N, C-alpha and C. Protein backbone atom coordinates (compact mmCIF):
# COMPACT_ATOMS: atom_id res chain seq x y z
N MET A 1 13.54 -1.72 10.09
CA MET A 1 13.04 -1.16 8.64
C MET A 1 13.80 0.32 8.53
N SER A 2 14.58 0.38 7.61
CA SER A 2 14.42 2.01 7.67
C SER A 2 13.85 2.45 6.22
N SER A 3 13.13 3.61 6.95
CA SER A 3 12.12 3.99 5.89
C SER A 3 12.39 5.83 5.57
N SER A 4 11.77 6.10 4.75
CA SER A 4 11.52 7.71 4.75
C SER A 4 10.36 7.93 4.71
N SER A 5 9.95 9.35 4.69
CA SER A 5 8.68 9.72 4.64
C SER A 5 8.11 9.31 3.98
N PRO A 6 6.77 8.80 4.41
CA PRO A 6 5.86 8.19 3.65
C PRO A 6 5.05 9.39 2.50
N SER A 7 5.34 10.82 2.87
CA SER A 7 4.85 11.78 1.95
C SER A 7 5.89 11.77 0.72
N SER A 8 7.02 10.89 0.96
CA SER A 8 8.24 11.47 -0.28
C SER A 8 7.78 10.43 -1.18
N ALA A 9 8.68 10.20 -2.19
CA ALA A 9 8.11 9.26 -3.24
C ALA A 9 7.63 7.68 -3.24
N SER A 10 8.53 7.33 -2.08
CA SER A 10 8.48 5.90 -1.35
C SER A 10 8.96 5.84 -0.46
N SER A 11 8.90 4.54 0.33
CA SER A 11 9.72 4.17 1.53
C SER A 11 9.99 2.75 1.25
N ALA A 12 10.96 2.17 1.72
CA ALA A 12 10.90 0.61 1.40
C ALA A 12 11.69 0.16 2.52
N SER A 13 11.44 -1.26 2.81
CA SER A 13 12.06 -2.04 3.62
C SER A 13 12.43 -3.13 2.59
N SER A 14 13.39 -4.12 3.49
CA SER A 14 13.98 -5.24 2.05
C SER A 14 12.54 -5.51 0.60
N SER A 15 11.34 -5.47 0.89
CA SER A 15 10.69 -5.85 0.27
C SER A 15 9.36 -4.91 -0.24
N TRP A 16 8.78 -4.20 1.01
CA TRP A 16 8.21 -3.26 0.97
C TRP A 16 8.13 -1.80 0.70
N HIS A 17 7.46 -1.00 0.08
CA HIS A 17 7.19 0.34 -0.40
C HIS A 17 6.20 0.73 0.10
N THR A 18 6.35 1.86 1.02
CA THR A 18 5.18 2.65 1.60
C THR A 18 5.11 3.96 1.03
N ARG A 19 3.95 4.31 0.87
CA ARG A 19 3.40 5.80 0.17
C ARG A 19 1.94 6.53 0.83
N VAL A 20 1.99 7.64 0.57
CA VAL A 20 0.49 8.31 0.87
C VAL A 20 -0.28 7.36 -0.34
N GLU A 21 -1.27 7.16 -0.09
CA GLU A 21 -2.37 6.75 -0.91
C GLU A 21 -2.25 7.81 -2.08
N ARG A 22 -3.04 7.57 -3.42
CA ARG A 22 -3.47 8.25 -4.41
C ARG A 22 -4.82 8.09 -4.60
N PRO A 23 -5.16 9.13 -5.24
CA PRO A 23 -6.97 8.79 -5.91
C PRO A 23 -7.07 7.47 -6.69
N GLY A 24 -5.82 7.06 -7.71
CA GLY A 24 -6.31 5.97 -8.12
C GLY A 24 -6.13 5.05 -7.48
N ASP A 25 -5.31 4.74 -6.09
CA ASP A 25 -5.50 3.46 -5.46
C ASP A 25 -6.85 3.41 -4.51
N LEU A 26 -7.88 3.85 -4.80
CA LEU A 26 -8.77 3.41 -3.89
C LEU A 26 -9.43 2.24 -4.01
N PRO A 27 -9.93 1.80 -5.41
CA PRO A 27 -10.38 0.53 -5.54
C PRO A 27 -9.64 -0.25 -4.98
N ALA A 28 -8.41 -0.30 -5.11
CA ALA A 28 -7.73 -1.51 -4.95
C ALA A 28 -7.49 -1.57 -2.92
N VAL A 29 -7.79 -0.18 -2.44
CA VAL A 29 -7.54 -0.23 -1.20
C VAL A 29 -8.92 -0.83 -0.64
N HIS A 30 -9.89 -0.76 -1.53
CA HIS A 30 -11.19 -0.95 -0.73
C HIS A 30 -11.26 -2.62 -0.90
N GLU A 31 -11.22 -2.82 -2.25
CA GLU A 31 -10.72 -4.54 -2.51
C GLU A 31 -9.92 -5.34 -1.47
N LEU A 32 -8.78 -4.72 -1.45
CA LEU A 32 -7.75 -5.48 -0.23
C LEU A 32 -8.39 -5.47 1.22
N THR A 33 -9.06 -4.39 1.72
CA THR A 33 -9.89 -4.22 2.85
C THR A 33 -10.68 -5.23 3.25
N VAL A 34 -11.80 -5.53 2.46
CA VAL A 34 -12.47 -6.41 2.12
C VAL A 34 -11.86 -7.92 2.20
N ALA A 35 -10.74 -8.02 1.56
CA ALA A 35 -10.15 -9.58 1.67
C ALA A 35 -9.38 -9.58 3.09
N ALA A 36 -8.89 -8.45 3.17
CA ALA A 36 -8.03 -8.63 4.55
C ALA A 36 -9.06 -9.00 5.77
N PHE A 37 -10.26 -8.48 5.89
CA PHE A 37 -11.24 -8.64 7.06
C PHE A 37 -12.18 -9.95 6.76
N GLY A 38 -12.30 -10.20 5.30
CA GLY A 38 -13.40 -11.06 4.83
C GLY A 38 -15.02 -10.80 5.36
N ARG A 39 -15.01 -9.30 4.97
CA ARG A 39 -16.22 -8.78 4.87
C ARG A 39 -16.12 -7.27 4.83
N PRO A 40 -16.99 -6.87 3.90
CA PRO A 40 -16.91 -5.62 3.74
C PRO A 40 -17.17 -4.27 4.87
N SER A 41 -17.34 -4.51 6.01
CA SER A 41 -17.64 -3.81 6.89
C SER A 41 -16.29 -2.72 6.82
N GLU A 42 -15.11 -2.84 7.00
CA GLU A 42 -13.83 -2.46 7.35
C GLU A 42 -13.83 -1.57 6.48
N ALA A 43 -14.01 -2.25 4.81
CA ALA A 43 -13.69 -1.30 3.48
C ALA A 43 -15.01 -0.09 3.72
N ASP A 44 -15.78 -0.54 4.01
CA ASP A 44 -16.97 0.48 4.16
C ASP A 44 -16.71 1.69 5.19
N LEU A 45 -15.92 1.38 6.55
CA LEU A 45 -15.79 2.12 7.53
C LEU A 45 -14.80 3.51 6.48
N VAL A 46 -13.64 2.81 5.65
CA VAL A 46 -13.08 3.63 5.17
C VAL A 46 -13.29 4.53 4.25
N GLU A 47 -14.20 4.17 3.67
CA GLU A 47 -14.93 5.04 2.54
C GLU A 47 -16.10 5.98 3.43
N ALA A 48 -16.55 5.95 4.57
CA ALA A 48 -17.14 6.56 5.21
C ALA A 48 -16.20 7.67 6.03
N LEU A 49 -14.75 7.34 6.56
CA LEU A 49 -14.39 8.08 6.78
C LEU A 49 -13.44 9.09 5.62
N ARG A 50 -13.37 8.73 4.61
CA ARG A 50 -12.96 9.91 3.48
C ARG A 50 -13.55 11.03 3.64
N THR A 51 -15.01 11.02 4.13
CA THR A 51 -15.89 12.02 3.77
C THR A 51 -16.12 12.72 5.14
N ASP A 52 -15.28 12.00 6.05
CA ASP A 52 -15.76 12.53 7.95
C ASP A 52 -14.73 13.61 7.94
N GLU A 53 -15.18 14.46 9.03
CA GLU A 53 -14.53 15.78 9.35
C GLU A 53 -12.89 15.03 9.88
N ALA A 54 -12.93 13.82 10.09
CA ALA A 54 -11.77 13.41 11.04
C ALA A 54 -10.87 12.73 10.03
N TRP A 55 -11.15 13.04 8.85
CA TRP A 55 -10.01 12.83 7.56
C TRP A 55 -8.67 13.80 7.72
N ILE A 56 -7.73 13.03 7.57
CA ILE A 56 -6.54 14.32 7.64
C ILE A 56 -5.56 13.76 6.75
N ASP A 57 -5.57 14.61 5.32
CA ASP A 57 -4.79 14.39 4.22
C ASP A 57 -3.45 13.96 4.42
N GLY A 58 -2.74 12.62 3.95
CA GLY A 58 -1.40 12.53 4.38
C GLY A 58 -1.42 11.38 4.90
N LEU A 59 -2.82 10.83 6.09
CA LEU A 59 -2.15 10.05 6.84
C LEU A 59 -3.14 8.57 6.38
N SER A 60 -3.43 8.58 5.00
CA SER A 60 -3.88 7.09 4.53
C SER A 60 -2.58 6.77 3.89
N ILE A 61 -2.03 5.69 4.02
CA ILE A 61 -0.89 4.95 3.53
C ILE A 61 -0.86 3.69 3.01
N VAL A 62 -0.45 3.49 1.90
CA VAL A 62 -0.30 2.21 1.32
C VAL A 62 0.89 1.75 1.13
N ALA A 63 0.89 0.32 1.29
CA ALA A 63 2.20 -0.60 1.03
C ALA A 63 1.86 -1.21 -0.53
N THR A 64 3.13 -1.66 -0.93
CA THR A 64 3.12 -2.12 -2.30
C THR A 64 4.50 -3.09 -2.46
N THR A 65 4.66 -3.97 -3.50
CA THR A 65 5.36 -4.93 -3.63
C THR A 65 6.80 -4.44 -4.15
N GLU A 66 6.57 -3.26 -5.00
CA GLU A 66 7.57 -2.41 -5.79
C GLU A 66 6.93 -0.93 -6.13
N ALA A 67 7.97 -0.40 -6.17
CA ALA A 67 7.32 1.28 -6.99
C ALA A 67 6.64 0.92 -7.94
N GLY A 68 5.41 1.95 -7.67
CA GLY A 68 4.24 1.84 -8.93
C GLY A 68 3.16 0.86 -8.92
N ALA A 69 3.34 -0.18 -8.11
CA ALA A 69 2.75 -1.35 -7.97
C ALA A 69 1.38 -1.07 -7.22
N ASP A 70 0.21 -1.92 -7.74
CA ASP A 70 -0.92 -1.58 -7.01
C ASP A 70 -0.82 -2.17 -5.16
N PRO A 71 -1.39 -1.26 -4.58
CA PRO A 71 -1.32 -1.88 -2.97
C PRO A 71 -1.80 -2.81 -2.73
N VAL A 72 -1.13 -3.52 -1.65
CA VAL A 72 -1.41 -4.89 -1.29
C VAL A 72 -1.90 -4.53 0.51
N GLY A 73 -1.73 -3.36 0.73
CA GLY A 73 -2.08 -3.02 2.23
C GLY A 73 -2.01 -1.55 2.43
N HIS A 74 -3.02 -1.53 3.51
CA HIS A 74 -3.07 0.28 3.82
C HIS A 74 -3.39 0.27 5.30
N VAL A 75 -3.09 1.28 5.87
CA VAL A 75 -3.35 1.95 7.43
C VAL A 75 -3.84 3.43 7.27
N LEU A 76 -4.56 3.64 7.90
CA LEU A 76 -5.54 4.95 7.99
C LEU A 76 -5.21 5.40 9.35
N LEU A 77 -5.20 6.61 9.57
CA LEU A 77 -5.09 7.38 10.82
C LEU A 77 -6.15 8.36 10.21
N THR A 78 -6.92 8.89 11.62
CA THR A 78 -7.98 10.05 11.47
C THR A 78 -7.71 10.60 12.90
N ARG A 79 -8.59 11.79 12.86
CA ARG A 79 -8.55 12.77 14.11
C ARG A 79 -9.41 11.83 15.15
N ALA A 80 -8.98 11.86 16.29
CA ALA A 80 -9.59 11.35 17.47
C ALA A 80 -9.35 12.11 18.59
N PHE A 81 -9.70 11.85 19.71
CA PHE A 81 -9.71 12.84 20.90
C PHE A 81 -9.41 11.74 21.83
N ILE A 82 -8.52 12.47 23.15
CA ILE A 82 -8.43 11.67 24.35
C ILE A 82 -8.88 12.65 25.65
N GLY A 83 -10.11 13.11 25.57
CA GLY A 83 -10.79 14.04 26.54
C GLY A 83 -10.84 15.10 25.66
N ASP A 84 -10.17 16.40 25.83
CA ASP A 84 -10.34 17.16 24.71
C ASP A 84 -8.81 17.43 24.08
N THR A 85 -8.07 16.42 24.33
CA THR A 85 -6.43 16.59 23.60
C THR A 85 -6.62 15.63 21.90
N PRO A 86 -6.10 16.38 21.26
CA PRO A 86 -6.10 15.57 20.17
C PRO A 86 -5.19 14.51 20.15
N ALA A 87 -5.92 13.37 19.47
CA ALA A 87 -4.94 12.26 19.08
C ALA A 87 -5.41 11.75 17.63
N LEU A 88 -4.81 10.55 17.06
CA LEU A 88 -5.22 9.90 16.06
C LEU A 88 -5.78 8.67 16.49
N ALA A 89 -6.68 8.08 15.76
CA ALA A 89 -6.98 6.82 15.90
C ALA A 89 -6.41 5.82 14.63
N MET A 90 -5.71 4.99 14.79
CA MET A 90 -5.14 3.93 13.89
C MET A 90 -6.01 2.93 13.59
N ALA A 91 -6.97 2.87 12.32
CA ALA A 91 -7.90 2.08 11.97
C ALA A 91 -8.25 2.54 11.02
N PRO A 92 -8.47 1.24 9.94
CA PRO A 92 -8.08 -0.20 9.90
C PRO A 92 -6.59 -0.20 9.38
N VAL A 93 -6.07 -1.16 10.12
CA VAL A 93 -4.74 -1.52 8.98
C VAL A 93 -5.11 -2.96 8.23
N SER A 94 -5.27 -3.03 7.25
CA SER A 94 -5.18 -4.17 6.54
C SER A 94 -4.16 -4.50 5.27
N VAL A 95 -4.07 -6.17 5.43
CA VAL A 95 -3.03 -6.42 4.46
C VAL A 95 -3.81 -7.55 3.68
N HIS A 96 -3.90 -7.60 2.34
CA HIS A 96 -4.12 -8.38 1.67
C HIS A 96 -3.96 -9.94 2.19
N PRO A 97 -4.61 -10.89 1.90
CA PRO A 97 -4.24 -12.26 2.58
C PRO A 97 -3.12 -12.65 1.89
N ASP A 98 -2.86 -12.43 0.39
CA ASP A 98 -1.74 -13.25 -0.22
C ASP A 98 -0.50 -12.48 0.46
N HIS A 99 -0.57 -11.41 1.32
CA HIS A 99 0.77 -10.82 1.66
C HIS A 99 0.75 -10.72 3.21
N GLN A 100 -0.14 -10.97 3.97
CA GLN A 100 -0.06 -11.22 5.36
C GLN A 100 1.35 -11.94 6.08
N ARG A 101 1.57 -11.71 7.14
CA ARG A 101 2.85 -12.24 7.85
C ARG A 101 4.27 -12.22 7.08
N SER A 102 4.16 -10.81 6.36
CA SER A 102 5.45 -10.92 5.11
C SER A 102 6.23 -9.29 5.76
N GLY A 103 5.77 -9.05 6.71
CA GLY A 103 6.09 -7.81 7.05
C GLY A 103 5.66 -6.36 6.68
N ALA A 104 4.36 -6.48 5.63
CA ALA A 104 3.67 -5.23 5.25
C ALA A 104 2.97 -4.63 6.36
N GLY A 105 2.31 -5.40 7.02
CA GLY A 105 1.45 -5.01 8.19
C GLY A 105 2.67 -3.99 9.30
N SER A 106 3.50 -4.67 9.21
CA SER A 106 4.58 -3.69 10.32
C SER A 106 5.34 -2.24 9.55
N ALA A 107 5.57 -2.81 8.10
CA ALA A 107 5.84 -1.31 7.41
C ALA A 107 4.82 -0.27 7.15
N LEU A 108 3.65 -0.77 7.32
CA LEU A 108 2.35 0.20 7.22
C LEU A 108 2.49 0.91 8.82
N VAL A 109 2.44 -0.06 9.74
CA VAL A 109 2.26 0.72 10.71
C VAL A 109 3.25 1.46 11.25
N ARG A 110 4.62 1.11 10.60
CA ARG A 110 5.38 2.31 10.91
C ARG A 110 5.62 3.68 10.08
N ALA A 111 4.83 3.27 9.01
CA ALA A 111 5.16 4.45 8.18
C ALA A 111 3.98 5.28 8.60
N GLY A 112 3.00 4.60 8.95
CA GLY A 112 1.92 5.49 9.67
C GLY A 112 2.39 6.26 10.90
N LEU A 113 2.99 5.82 11.61
CA LEU A 113 3.37 6.68 13.15
C LEU A 113 4.36 7.63 12.52
N ASP A 114 5.37 7.27 11.50
CA ASP A 114 6.53 8.49 11.27
C ASP A 114 5.26 9.62 10.54
N ALA A 115 4.61 9.05 9.93
CA ALA A 115 3.76 10.08 9.37
C ALA A 115 3.22 11.21 10.11
N ALA A 116 2.82 10.46 11.16
CA ALA A 116 2.03 11.23 12.28
C ALA A 116 2.97 11.89 13.03
N ARG A 117 4.12 11.88 13.45
CA ARG A 117 5.29 12.55 14.15
C ARG A 117 5.68 13.54 13.35
N GLU A 118 5.72 12.99 11.93
CA GLU A 118 6.11 14.42 11.17
C GLU A 118 4.89 15.79 11.22
N ARG A 119 4.20 15.26 11.04
CA ARG A 119 2.61 16.17 11.23
C ARG A 119 2.60 16.55 12.60
N GLY A 120 3.78 16.29 13.60
CA GLY A 120 3.74 16.99 14.87
C GLY A 120 2.34 16.19 15.88
N GLU A 121 1.77 15.28 15.36
CA GLU A 121 1.02 14.52 16.36
C GLU A 121 1.73 13.94 17.60
N ARG A 122 0.84 13.96 18.86
CA ARG A 122 1.57 13.26 19.78
C ARG A 122 0.98 12.26 20.23
N PHE A 123 -0.19 11.76 19.60
CA PHE A 123 -0.92 10.51 20.46
C PHE A 123 -1.53 9.79 19.19
N VAL A 124 -1.63 8.26 19.60
CA VAL A 124 -2.33 7.76 18.76
C VAL A 124 -3.04 6.61 19.74
N ILE A 125 -4.05 6.14 19.10
CA ILE A 125 -5.17 5.05 19.83
C ILE A 125 -5.43 4.19 19.38
N LEU A 126 -5.91 2.94 19.43
CA LEU A 126 -6.23 1.76 18.87
C LEU A 126 -6.94 0.61 19.53
N LEU A 127 -7.93 -0.22 18.70
CA LEU A 127 -8.06 -1.26 19.00
C LEU A 127 -7.85 -2.27 18.47
N GLY A 128 -6.56 -3.34 19.02
CA GLY A 128 -6.04 -4.00 18.04
C GLY A 128 -5.60 -5.47 18.88
N HIS A 129 -4.75 -6.01 17.99
CA HIS A 129 -4.22 -7.44 18.66
C HIS A 129 -3.02 -7.34 19.65
N PRO A 130 -3.13 -7.51 20.89
CA PRO A 130 -2.47 -7.34 21.99
C PRO A 130 -1.15 -7.89 22.10
N SER A 131 -0.73 -8.92 21.07
CA SER A 131 0.33 -9.19 21.10
C SER A 131 1.10 -8.73 19.86
N TYR A 132 0.42 -7.87 18.70
CA TYR A 132 1.04 -7.44 17.86
C TYR A 132 1.53 -5.97 17.90
N TYR A 133 0.51 -4.89 18.39
CA TYR A 133 0.90 -3.42 18.62
C TYR A 133 1.80 -3.07 19.81
N PRO A 134 1.92 -3.74 20.86
CA PRO A 134 3.30 -3.67 21.70
C PRO A 134 4.64 -3.41 20.87
N ARG A 135 4.78 -4.15 19.92
CA ARG A 135 6.27 -3.86 19.32
C ARG A 135 6.52 -2.54 18.46
N PHE A 136 5.26 -1.90 18.41
CA PHE A 136 5.69 -0.34 18.23
C PHE A 136 5.37 0.69 19.11
N GLY A 137 5.52 -0.03 20.28
CA GLY A 137 5.26 0.78 21.70
C GLY A 137 4.09 1.29 21.88
N PHE A 138 3.08 0.34 21.54
CA PHE A 138 1.51 0.61 22.20
C PHE A 138 1.42 -0.17 23.46
N GLY A 139 0.88 0.42 24.43
CA GLY A 139 0.53 -0.15 25.76
C GLY A 139 -1.03 -0.32 26.03
N ARG A 140 -1.46 -0.56 27.18
CA ARG A 140 -2.64 -0.71 27.56
C ARG A 140 -3.19 0.84 27.47
N ALA A 141 -4.14 1.51 27.56
CA ALA A 141 -4.52 2.85 27.22
C ALA A 141 -4.85 2.97 28.96
N SER A 142 -5.92 1.90 29.42
CA SER A 142 -6.18 1.95 30.99
C SER A 142 -5.46 2.21 31.73
N GLU A 143 -4.02 1.91 31.55
CA GLU A 143 -3.05 2.18 32.34
C GLU A 143 -2.60 3.59 32.66
N HIS A 144 -2.93 4.13 31.59
CA HIS A 144 -2.86 6.20 31.40
C HIS A 144 -4.23 6.53 31.86
N GLY A 145 -5.27 5.93 32.04
CA GLY A 145 -6.82 6.64 32.62
C GLY A 145 -7.41 6.76 31.37
N ILE A 146 -7.06 6.28 30.29
CA ILE A 146 -7.66 6.67 28.81
C ILE A 146 -8.84 5.50 29.20
N THR A 147 -10.25 5.81 28.84
CA THR A 147 -11.37 5.11 28.77
C THR A 147 -12.16 4.90 27.39
N LEU A 148 -13.21 3.83 27.22
CA LEU A 148 -14.07 3.62 26.22
C LEU A 148 -15.16 4.13 26.51
N THR A 149 -16.12 4.27 25.29
CA THR A 149 -17.54 4.48 25.93
C THR A 149 -18.43 3.10 25.41
N VAL A 150 -17.46 1.91 24.91
CA VAL A 150 -17.78 0.95 24.69
C VAL A 150 -17.03 -0.50 25.29
N ASP A 151 -17.77 -1.54 25.20
CA ASP A 151 -16.90 -2.27 25.95
C ASP A 151 -15.92 -2.87 25.04
N ALA A 152 -14.75 -3.19 25.39
CA ALA A 152 -13.53 -3.65 24.56
C ALA A 152 -12.79 -4.69 25.61
N PRO A 153 -11.78 -5.51 25.19
CA PRO A 153 -10.87 -6.22 26.20
C PRO A 153 -10.05 -5.09 26.31
N ASP A 154 -9.53 -4.81 27.36
CA ASP A 154 -8.66 -4.36 28.00
C ASP A 154 -7.32 -4.61 27.21
N GLU A 155 -6.94 -5.60 27.08
CA GLU A 155 -5.40 -5.58 26.62
C GLU A 155 -5.54 -5.26 24.99
N ALA A 156 -7.07 -5.03 24.44
CA ALA A 156 -6.58 -4.59 23.25
C ALA A 156 -6.96 -3.44 22.93
N TRP A 157 -7.14 -2.61 23.96
CA TRP A 157 -7.48 -1.22 24.02
C TRP A 157 -6.00 -0.34 24.24
N MET A 158 -5.53 0.30 23.48
CA MET A 158 -3.97 0.69 23.40
C MET A 158 -4.01 1.97 23.08
N ALA A 159 -3.01 2.46 23.59
CA ALA A 159 -2.43 3.91 23.57
C ALA A 159 -0.84 4.09 23.07
N LEU A 160 -0.30 5.41 22.56
CA LEU A 160 0.95 5.44 22.06
C LEU A 160 1.11 7.16 22.47
N SER A 161 2.35 7.54 23.11
CA SER A 161 2.48 8.63 22.78
C SER A 161 3.72 8.65 21.64
N LEU A 162 3.89 9.81 21.24
CA LEU A 162 4.68 9.59 20.25
C LEU A 162 6.33 10.21 20.43
N ASP A 163 6.02 10.85 21.42
CA ASP A 163 7.48 11.42 22.69
C ASP A 163 7.19 11.63 23.78
N GLU A 164 7.33 10.14 24.75
CA GLU A 164 6.74 9.95 25.98
C GLU A 164 7.70 11.17 26.71
N ALA A 165 8.60 11.58 26.28
CA ALA A 165 9.55 12.31 27.29
C ALA A 165 8.93 13.81 27.35
N ARG A 166 8.58 14.11 26.14
CA ARG A 166 8.03 15.80 26.15
C ARG A 166 6.15 15.67 26.30
N HIS A 167 5.98 14.46 25.98
CA HIS A 167 4.10 14.59 26.04
C HIS A 167 3.53 13.36 26.30
N PRO A 168 3.98 12.80 27.80
CA PRO A 168 3.02 11.73 28.49
C PRO A 168 1.53 11.80 28.11
N LEU A 169 1.15 10.51 27.79
CA LEU A 169 0.00 10.28 27.47
C LEU A 169 -1.13 11.04 28.50
N PRO A 170 -2.04 11.71 28.13
CA PRO A 170 -3.45 12.30 28.70
C PRO A 170 -4.16 10.93 29.06
N SER A 171 -5.04 11.58 30.42
CA SER A 171 -6.06 10.61 30.52
C SER A 171 -7.34 11.26 30.06
N GLY A 172 -8.19 10.45 30.09
CA GLY A 172 -9.76 11.12 29.57
C GLY A 172 -10.36 9.68 28.65
N THR A 173 -11.54 10.48 28.21
CA THR A 173 -12.43 9.31 27.59
C THR A 173 -11.98 9.40 26.43
N ALA A 174 -11.87 8.41 25.01
CA ALA A 174 -11.81 8.61 23.79
C ALA A 174 -12.71 8.62 22.97
N ARG A 175 -12.79 9.69 22.07
CA ARG A 175 -14.00 10.21 21.14
C ARG A 175 -13.25 9.70 20.09
N TRP A 176 -13.82 9.11 18.79
CA TRP A 176 -13.53 8.55 17.54
C TRP A 176 -14.33 9.34 16.52
N ALA A 177 -14.10 9.57 15.38
CA ALA A 177 -14.77 9.90 14.23
C ALA A 177 -16.12 9.25 14.45
N ALA A 178 -17.03 10.08 13.90
CA ALA A 178 -18.35 9.50 14.02
C ALA A 178 -18.88 8.41 13.07
N ALA A 179 -17.91 8.06 12.26
CA ALA A 179 -18.20 7.00 11.20
C ALA A 179 -17.52 5.94 11.95
N PHE A 180 -16.64 5.51 12.85
CA PHE A 180 -16.80 4.58 13.71
C PHE A 180 -17.75 4.31 14.57
N GLY A 181 -19.12 4.79 14.61
CA GLY A 181 -20.12 4.70 15.19
C GLY A 181 -19.95 4.37 16.59
N ILE A 182 -18.92 5.05 17.35
CA ILE A 182 -18.65 4.73 18.82
C ILE A 182 -19.09 6.00 19.34
N ALA A 183 -20.05 5.98 20.33
CA ALA A 183 -20.56 7.35 20.78
C ALA A 183 -19.80 7.92 21.76
């Protein structure tokens, strides 16, 4: 996919446009997140993160089918830490069921990572599907000495350096925004 900055008017693959979330997108983001997960907990998490100190303007990104259309996908990156080192947590990544397996999720992840790089961020952590996220460069966090304070499958606990040559992943215990409920 070739994409421009999510902070520009839009970026597009052959069928997906990504852009920074706008205030008018909030109801659609809530609805698509509930639909994507089949329950409200992830949508409620997004709402809680909007008022959390971990929120970073410009890192809540939506995917649309065409310029100006309502969002059908959403990715959120918020402040996290690996030990005392600033990082981002990518969660949740949501695509409405009518558009899953169509490239929307990939467009969102790439747009989110591009936006993070543009902001000068160095590291991203996530809990996610072990066969999906490695295509974007994520690997097992445990291989870098990054630990969690909750039980999670090792293969689902992943981390990424946005510039491995200059900034290798640090080790330490991951700390997430309070809204995640992870101590």
